[in-house]
Protein backbone atom coordinates (compact mmCIF):
# COMPACT_ATOMS: atom_id res chain seq x y z
CA MET A 1 112.30 80.37 47.92
CA VAL A 2 109.35 79.75 50.13
CA PHE A 3 110.01 77.26 52.90
CA ILE A 4 112.11 78.04 55.96
CA HIS A 5 113.87 74.96 57.29
CA ARG A 6 115.56 74.64 60.70
CA GLU A 7 115.15 78.28 61.60
CA GLY A 8 117.40 79.07 64.54
CA ASP A 9 119.75 76.20 63.69
CA ALA A 10 123.38 77.09 64.42
CA ALA A 11 124.15 76.46 60.76
CA GLY A 12 121.59 79.04 59.68
CA THR A 13 118.24 79.08 57.96
CA TYR A 14 117.45 77.23 54.73
CA LEU A 15 115.17 78.56 52.02
CA ILE A 16 113.78 75.73 49.92
CA PRO A 17 112.34 76.38 46.45
CA GLN A 18 108.80 75.17 45.80
CA VAL A 19 110.07 73.00 42.96
CA SER A 20 112.56 71.28 45.27
CA HIS A 21 109.71 70.69 47.73
CA ALA A 22 107.79 69.07 44.84
CA TRP A 23 110.80 66.89 44.05
CA LEU A 24 110.81 65.74 47.68
CA ALA A 25 107.10 64.90 47.40
CA TRP A 26 107.85 62.92 44.22
CA GLN A 27 110.47 60.84 46.03
CA VAL A 28 107.82 59.77 48.53
CA ALA A 29 105.33 59.03 45.74
CA GLU A 30 107.90 56.99 43.81
CA HIS A 31 108.09 54.52 46.71
CA TRP A 32 104.40 54.65 47.64
CA GLY A 33 102.33 51.51 47.98
CA ASN A 34 102.49 48.00 49.44
CA ARG A 35 100.02 45.30 50.43
CA SER A 36 98.28 47.74 52.79
CA PHE A 37 98.28 50.91 50.67
CA ALA A 38 97.17 51.29 47.07
CA ARG A 39 99.72 52.10 44.37
CA PRO A 40 98.95 54.78 41.78
CA ALA A 41 97.98 53.91 38.21
CA PRO A 42 98.70 54.92 35.55
CA ARG A 43 101.99 55.27 37.39
CA ALA A 44 103.95 57.60 35.09
CA GLU A 45 101.20 60.22 34.87
CA SER A 46 100.37 60.09 38.58
CA LEU A 47 104.01 60.53 39.58
CA ALA A 48 104.38 63.32 37.01
CA ALA A 49 101.52 65.19 38.70
CA VAL A 50 103.38 65.05 42.02
CA LEU A 51 106.70 66.14 40.54
CA LEU A 52 105.27 68.95 38.38
CA HIS A 53 102.46 70.27 40.57
CA ASP A 54 104.42 73.37 41.63
CA GLY A 55 106.06 74.07 38.27
CA GLY A 56 104.48 77.51 38.10
CA TRP A 57 106.75 78.71 40.91
CA THR A 58 109.99 78.62 38.94
CA ASP A 59 110.04 82.35 38.16
CA PHE A 60 109.32 83.28 41.77
CA ASP A 61 111.90 80.79 43.05
CA ALA A 62 114.51 82.38 40.76
CA SER A 63 113.83 85.86 42.15
CA PRO A 64 112.15 85.66 45.58
CA THR A 65 110.88 88.76 47.35
CA LEU A 66 110.34 90.05 50.89
CA ASP A 67 107.10 90.45 52.79
CA GLY A 68 106.10 93.63 54.62
CA ASN A 69 108.25 92.67 57.61
CA GLY A 70 111.46 92.32 55.63
CA ARG A 71 111.40 88.52 55.70
CA PRO A 72 111.50 86.13 52.72
CA ARG A 73 107.96 85.90 51.37
CA THR A 74 106.31 82.51 51.87
CA PHE A 75 103.52 81.07 49.74
CA ASP A 76 100.90 81.79 52.42
CA ALA A 77 101.82 85.49 52.59
CA MET A 78 101.34 86.37 48.92
CA PRO A 79 98.59 88.56 47.45
CA VAL A 80 95.66 86.36 46.43
CA VAL A 81 95.83 87.27 42.74
CA ASP A 82 99.55 86.48 42.51
CA HIS A 83 99.15 83.20 44.35
CA LEU A 84 96.32 82.03 42.11
CA ALA A 85 98.25 83.03 38.99
CA ILE A 86 101.08 80.74 40.07
CA TRP A 87 98.66 77.87 40.75
CA ARG A 88 97.10 78.39 37.30
CA ARG A 89 100.52 78.41 35.64
CA SER A 90 101.41 75.19 37.50
CA VAL A 91 98.31 73.43 36.16
CA LEU A 92 98.82 74.53 32.56
CA ARG A 93 102.52 73.69 32.54
CA CYS A 94 101.83 70.23 33.93
CA ALA A 95 99.13 69.64 31.31
CA GLN A 96 101.68 70.38 28.59
CA TYR A 97 103.41 67.16 29.65
CA ASN A 98 100.22 65.14 30.02
CA ARG A 99 96.53 66.00 30.33
CA TYR A 100 95.79 63.36 32.97
CA ALA A 101 98.59 64.71 35.15
CA GLY A 102 97.19 68.21 34.55
CA LEU A 103 93.74 67.00 35.55
CA LEU A 104 95.07 65.74 38.89
CA VAL A 105 96.87 69.03 39.54
CA ALA A 106 93.79 71.08 38.61
CA ALA A 107 91.72 69.07 41.08
CA HIS A 108 94.46 69.47 43.72
CA PHE A 109 94.47 73.26 43.46
CA GLY A 110 90.69 73.35 43.20
CA ALA A 111 90.52 71.65 46.61
CA MET A 112 93.18 73.99 48.00
CA ALA A 113 91.16 76.95 46.69
CA GLU A 114 88.20 75.79 48.76
CA ARG A 115 90.35 75.88 51.89
CA LYS A 116 91.74 79.26 50.91
CA LEU A 117 88.18 80.54 50.35
CA ALA A 118 87.15 79.50 53.86
CA ASP A 119 90.15 81.33 55.33
CA LEU A 120 89.41 84.52 53.38
CA LEU A 121 85.76 84.47 54.44
CA ASP A 122 86.85 84.07 58.06
CA ARG A 123 88.92 87.24 57.59
CA ASP A 124 86.04 89.07 55.86
CA ASP A 125 88.08 89.45 52.67
CA THR A 126 85.10 89.31 50.30
CA GLY A 127 87.07 90.58 47.30
CA GLY A 128 89.70 87.90 47.68
CA ALA A 129 86.98 85.30 48.25
CA ARG A 130 85.27 86.17 44.96
CA THR A 131 88.58 85.86 43.13
CA VAL A 132 89.18 82.44 44.67
CA GLN A 133 85.65 81.30 43.80
CA SER A 134 86.27 82.25 40.17
CA PHE A 135 89.56 80.35 40.20
CA GLY A 136 87.86 77.27 41.65
CA ALA A 137 85.25 77.35 38.88
CA GLU A 138 88.06 77.64 36.31
CA MET A 139 89.82 74.58 37.73
CA ASP A 140 86.55 72.65 37.66
CA ARG A 141 86.04 73.53 33.99
CA LEU A 142 89.56 72.44 33.09
CA GLU A 143 89.17 69.18 34.97
CA ARG A 144 85.82 68.40 33.31
CA SER A 145 87.22 69.25 29.88
CA TRP A 146 90.22 66.92 30.25
CA ARG A 147 88.06 64.20 31.76
CA GLU A 148 85.78 64.37 28.72
CA GLU A 149 88.71 64.34 26.28
CA LEU A 150 90.32 61.35 27.99
CA GLY A 151 87.06 59.44 28.44
CA THR A 152 87.52 57.50 25.18
CA ASP A 153 91.11 56.48 25.97
CA ALA A 154 91.28 52.98 27.46
CA ARG A 155 94.47 53.90 29.37
CA TYR A 156 92.63 56.49 31.45
CA GLN A 157 89.02 55.28 31.62
CA PRO A 158 89.42 53.39 34.94
CA TYR A 159 91.10 56.40 36.59
CA LEU A 160 88.87 59.34 35.70
CA GLU A 161 86.32 58.67 38.45
CA GLY A 162 85.72 56.33 41.36
CA PRO A 163 88.35 54.45 43.41
CA GLY A 164 91.02 54.54 40.70
CA ARG A 165 90.86 58.32 40.50
CA GLN A 166 90.69 58.67 44.28
CA VAL A 167 93.95 56.78 44.80
CA ASN A 168 95.81 59.17 42.48
CA SER A 169 94.23 62.36 43.82
CA ARG A 170 94.88 61.31 47.39
CA LEU A 171 98.48 60.42 46.56
CA LEU A 172 99.21 63.95 45.31
CA ASP A 173 97.62 65.56 48.35
CA THR A 174 99.29 63.18 50.83
CA CYS A 175 102.81 63.42 49.39
CA ASP A 176 102.48 67.21 49.13
CA ARG A 177 101.55 67.41 52.82
CA ILE A 178 104.37 65.09 53.88
CA SER A 179 106.88 67.23 52.00
CA VAL A 180 105.50 70.44 53.52
CA TYR A 181 105.91 69.07 57.04
CA LEU A 182 109.42 67.77 56.35
CA CYS A 183 110.54 71.03 54.74
CA ALA A 184 109.14 73.00 57.67
CA SER A 185 111.24 70.70 59.89
CA LEU A 186 108.82 70.96 62.77
CA PRO A 187 110.34 68.96 65.68
CA ALA A 188 106.94 67.46 66.52
CA PRO A 189 104.74 64.58 65.40
CA PHE A 190 102.34 65.12 62.51
CA GLU A 191 99.62 63.21 60.70
CA VAL A 192 98.48 62.85 57.09
CA TRP A 193 95.61 60.97 55.48
CA ALA A 194 96.00 58.32 52.78
CA GLN A 195 93.88 55.78 50.97
CA ASN A 196 94.61 52.20 51.94
CA ALA A 197 94.31 49.14 49.72
CA ALA A 198 90.71 48.60 50.86
CA GLY A 199 89.75 52.05 49.61
CA ASP A 200 89.30 53.55 53.07
CA THR A 201 90.92 56.72 54.37
CA GLU A 202 93.55 55.97 57.00
CA VAL A 203 95.55 58.24 59.29
CA ILE A 204 99.33 57.89 59.03
CA SER A 205 101.32 59.14 62.02
CA PHE A 206 104.88 60.49 61.85
CA GLU A 207 106.67 60.35 65.20
CA THR A 208 109.82 62.43 65.60
CA VAL A 209 113.09 60.62 66.25
CA ASP A 210 115.22 63.73 65.70
CA ASP A 211 115.15 66.84 63.46
CA THR A 212 115.54 64.79 60.28
CA THR A 213 114.12 61.36 61.14
CA TRP A 214 110.55 60.16 61.64
CA ARG A 215 108.99 56.78 62.47
CA VAL A 216 105.90 56.15 60.37
CA GLN A 217 102.87 54.09 61.41
CA PRO A 218 101.19 52.44 59.55
CA TRP A 219 103.91 52.12 56.91
CA PRO A 220 102.65 53.08 53.41
CA LEU A 221 105.89 52.66 51.44
CA GLU A 222 108.10 49.97 49.97
CA GLY A 223 110.89 48.51 52.09
CA GLU A 224 111.71 49.39 55.70
CA ARG A 225 113.09 52.92 55.39
CA LEU A 226 113.29 55.74 52.89
CA THR A 227 115.95 58.45 52.66
CA LEU A 228 114.80 61.65 50.97
CA GLN A 229 116.56 64.81 49.92
CA CYS A 230 115.99 68.29 48.63
CA GLU A 231 118.09 71.42 48.27
CA GLY A 232 117.95 74.84 49.87
CA ARG A 233 119.92 78.06 50.14
CA ARG A 234 121.54 78.62 53.54
CA ILE A 235 121.38 82.15 54.95
CA GLN A 236 122.37 83.50 58.36
CA SER A 237 119.55 86.01 58.79
CA THR A 238 115.84 86.05 57.99
CA ASN A 239 115.39 89.83 58.24
CA PHE A 240 116.56 92.23 55.54
CA ALA A 241 116.61 95.99 55.25
CA SER A 242 115.75 96.01 51.55
CA GLU A 243 115.08 93.87 48.50
CA GLU A 244 118.58 94.71 47.26
CA ASP A 245 120.11 93.43 50.50
CA PHE A 246 118.09 90.22 50.22
CA GLN A 247 119.02 89.64 46.57
CA GLU A 248 122.71 90.17 47.31
CA THR A 249 122.52 87.70 50.19
CA MET A 250 120.78 85.13 48.00
CA ALA A 251 123.41 85.51 45.29
CA ARG A 252 126.12 84.60 47.83
CA ALA A 253 124.16 81.93 49.71
CA PRO A 254 125.49 78.37 49.30
CA THR A 255 123.14 75.64 48.12
CA VAL A 256 122.94 72.77 50.61
CA ARG A 257 121.53 69.25 50.25
CA LEU A 258 119.07 68.45 53.05
CA VAL A 259 118.40 64.82 53.98
CA PHE A 260 115.39 63.27 55.73
CA THR A 261 114.75 59.68 56.79
CA LEU A 262 111.44 57.86 57.20
CA LEU A 263 111.46 54.60 59.19
CA ARG A 264 108.97 51.80 59.51
CA SER A 265 107.97 51.52 63.17
CA SER A 266 109.71 48.12 63.42
CA ALA A 267 112.91 49.25 61.65
CA VAL A 268 116.14 49.30 63.65
CA GLY A 269 117.98 52.62 63.80
């Protein structure tokens, strides 16, 4: 369980599994695209990449741990080696379903590794930085290998490089970011970047209506509104005296369905 939702809410705090966060991202991707924003293709593989991109977290989600302050450990507070191992497992599990989906996920985590590398260098963690550099090279090798293997397949040829590939890669990154912001339930506007139908990068703004509703401009989805959901465990405290105390609390914690709504700027309600 790695996302904390509505912390301080009278109803308690919600811990959302990474895989439920990925499911939320998939719901956005499933409705992505209109006359202004490009739709992914091949659709099944691109949506699979969004749904499965965090599949390596299932073991951690099943038995979460505490950080050094006695709080549930979040993905950004894990040892570098453990975090990269989960990313690697996510890529390989996704590729077992489909190599093109695995290729998109490998590229996704390769880009995230670059951002993680910059952060580690800023903190003078040279050991961690070297580990991340090695991981990035590994993701690049996997991506190149799958791109070569799929290069003779007419289904994938238009989507291995160029605009076709960019639409799919951007979709994974954009829907992942949207889900992260929604799960964090920050009561403030946020922005993401997406590729429009002309092939240009465009900023999409999410304006807060309330804790679970956002108005979106420009509108990148089908229809006028989209209701999303994920599930989380509700707990009353975020500080624990021991791992045993935390595990006992998690065993008793009810699972709750959390609902979010995205509205076109012109939509009523």
